[in-house]
């Protein structure tokens, strides 16, 4: 799977990780894959909810290095 864009949102608190993802996905073509690195514990709830509401596919959500890594396919 080719990652079109990576976003490092470590150190940012809610709602900034979601806002960064939303803005980035708007600039990508449908089907493009984005990877988000986040350290905010609320991202575990916010990112899956955002994806479900906005029509994007959450491909993976993993713990990594004191935070989380989310892989999202643009809907």
C-alpha atoms as a PDB file:
ATOM      1  CA  UNK A   1       0.000   0.000   0.000  1.00  0.00           C
ATOM      2  CA  UNK A   2       1.423   3.360  -1.009  1.00  0.00           C
ATOM      3  CA  UNK A   3       1.138   6.165   1.538  1.00  0.00           C
ATOM      4  CA  UNK A   4       0.347   9.435  -0.267  1.00  0.00           C
ATOM      5  CA  UNK A   5       0.887  11.657   2.781  1.00  0.00           C
ATOM      6  CA  UNK A   6       2.100  11.371   6.377  1.00  0.00           C
ATOM      7  CA  UNK A   7       1.029  13.793   9.090  1.00  0.00           C
ATOM      8  CA  UNK A   8       2.861  14.155  12.392  1.00  0.00           C
ATOM      9  CA  UNK A   9       0.349  15.464  14.923  1.00  0.00           C
ATOM     10  CA  UNK A  10       2.284  14.316  17.986  1.00  0.00           C
ATOM     11  CA  UNK A  11       2.056  16.921  20.710  1.00  0.00           C
ATOM     12  CA  UNK A  12      -1.201  18.355  19.370  1.00  0.00           C
ATOM     13  CA  UNK A  13      -4.392  18.059  21.389  1.00  0.00           C
ATOM     14  CA  UNK A  14      -8.014  17.582  20.357  1.00  0.00           C
ATOM     15  CA  UNK A  15      -9.373  18.752  17.949  1.00  0.00           C
ATOM     16  CA  UNK A  16      -6.168  19.587  16.042  1.00  0.00           C
ATOM     17  CA  UNK A  17      -5.265  16.045  14.844  1.00  0.00           C
ATOM     18  CA  UNK A  18      -8.732  15.617  13.294  1.00  0.00           C
ATOM     19  CA  UNK A  19      -8.633  19.081  11.735  1.00  0.00           C
ATOM     20  CA  UNK A  20      -5.230  18.364  10.170  1.00  0.00           C
ATOM     21  CA  UNK A  21      -6.487  15.045   8.771  1.00  0.00           C
ATOM     22  CA  UNK A  22      -9.662  16.610   7.387  1.00  0.00           C
ATOM     23  CA  UNK A  23      -7.720  19.381   5.622  1.00  0.00           C
ATOM     24  CA  UNK A  24      -5.146  16.942   4.225  1.00  0.00           C
ATOM     25  CA  UNK A  25      -7.772  14.508   2.920  1.00  0.00           C
ATOM     26  CA  UNK A  26      -9.535  17.305   1.047  1.00  0.00           C
ATOM     27  CA  UNK A  27      -6.353  17.777  -0.970  1.00  0.00           C
ATOM     28  CA  UNK A  28      -5.986  14.090  -1.865  1.00  0.00           C
ATOM     29  CA  UNK A  29      -7.800  12.168  -4.600  1.00  0.00           C
ATOM     30  CA  UNK A  30     -10.360   9.495  -3.631  1.00  0.00           C
ATOM     31  CA  UNK A  31      -8.647   6.234  -2.703  1.00  0.00           C
ATOM     32  CA  UNK A  32      -5.412   7.917  -1.570  1.00  0.00           C
ATOM     33  CA  UNK A  33      -3.961   6.700   1.726  1.00  0.00           C
ATOM     34  CA  UNK A  34      -2.867   8.968   4.553  1.00  0.00           C
ATOM     35  CA  UNK A  35      -0.932   8.035   7.697  1.00  0.00           C
ATOM     36  CA  UNK A  36      -1.375  10.048  10.910  1.00  0.00           C
ATOM     37  CA  UNK A  37       0.929   9.956  13.929  1.00  0.00           C
ATOM     38  CA  UNK A  38      -0.802  11.246  17.082  1.00  0.00           C
ATOM     39  CA  UNK A  39      -0.052  11.325  20.784  1.00  0.00           C
ATOM     40  CA  UNK A  40      -3.382  12.706  22.040  1.00  0.00           C
ATOM     41  CA  UNK A  41      -5.270   9.862  23.798  1.00  0.00           C
ATOM     42  CA  UNK A  42      -8.564  11.252  22.447  1.00  0.00           C
ATOM     43  CA  UNK A  43      -7.392  10.502  18.894  1.00  0.00           C
ATOM     44  CA  UNK A  44      -8.301   6.839  19.560  1.00  0.00           C
ATOM     45  CA  UNK A  45     -11.934   7.961  19.699  1.00  0.00           C
ATOM     46  CA  UNK A  46     -11.916  11.027  17.452  1.00  0.00           C
ATOM     47  CA  UNK A  47     -10.195   9.617  14.341  1.00  0.00           C
ATOM     48  CA  UNK A  48     -12.426   6.520  13.918  1.00  0.00           C
ATOM     49  CA  UNK A  49     -15.514   8.674  14.541  1.00  0.00           C
ATOM     50  CA  UNK A  50     -14.358  11.270  11.991  1.00  0.00           C
ATOM     51  CA  UNK A  51     -13.705   8.566   9.380  1.00  0.00           C
ATOM     52  CA  UNK A  52     -17.128   6.999   9.884  1.00  0.00           C
ATOM     53  CA  UNK A  53     -18.924  10.342   9.691  1.00  0.00           C
ATOM     54  CA  UNK A  54     -16.971  11.690   6.701  1.00  0.00           C
ATOM     55  CA  UNK A  55     -17.040   8.505   4.600  1.00  0.00           C
ATOM     56  CA  UNK A  56     -13.349   7.613   4.837  1.00  0.00           C
ATOM     57  CA  UNK A  57     -12.007   4.120   5.558  1.00  0.00           C
ATOM     58  CA  UNK A  58      -9.904   3.573   8.668  1.00  0.00           C
ATOM     59  CA  UNK A  59      -7.514   0.864   7.494  1.00  0.00           C
ATOM     60  CA  UNK A  60      -5.467   0.533  10.689  1.00  0.00           C
ATOM     61  CA  UNK A  61      -5.109   2.004  14.159  1.00  0.00           C
ATOM     62  CA  UNK A  62      -2.008   0.873  16.041  1.00  0.00           C
ATOM     63  CA  UNK A  63      -0.069   1.840  19.152  1.00  0.00           C
ATOM     64  CA  UNK A  64       3.445   3.031  18.381  1.00  0.00           C
ATOM     65  CA  UNK A  65       6.098   4.906  20.305  1.00  0.00           C
ATOM     66  CA  UNK A  66       3.938   6.395  23.052  1.00  0.00           C
ATOM     67  CA  UNK A  67       1.140   7.301  20.653  1.00  0.00           C
ATOM     68  CA  UNK A  68      -0.968   5.956  17.857  1.00  0.00           C
ATOM     69  CA  UNK A  69      -0.608   5.541  14.115  1.00  0.00           C
ATOM     70  CA  UNK A  70      -3.740   5.707  11.953  1.00  0.00           C
ATOM     71  CA  UNK A  71      -3.893   4.670   8.307  1.00  0.00           C
ATOM     72  CA  UNK A  72      -6.834   6.174   6.438  1.00  0.00           C
ATOM     73  CA  UNK A  73      -8.094   5.759   2.866  1.00  0.00           C
ATOM     74  CA  UNK A  74      -9.906   8.793   1.468  1.00  0.00           C
ATOM     75  CA  UNK A  75     -13.516   8.072   0.580  1.00  0.00           C
END
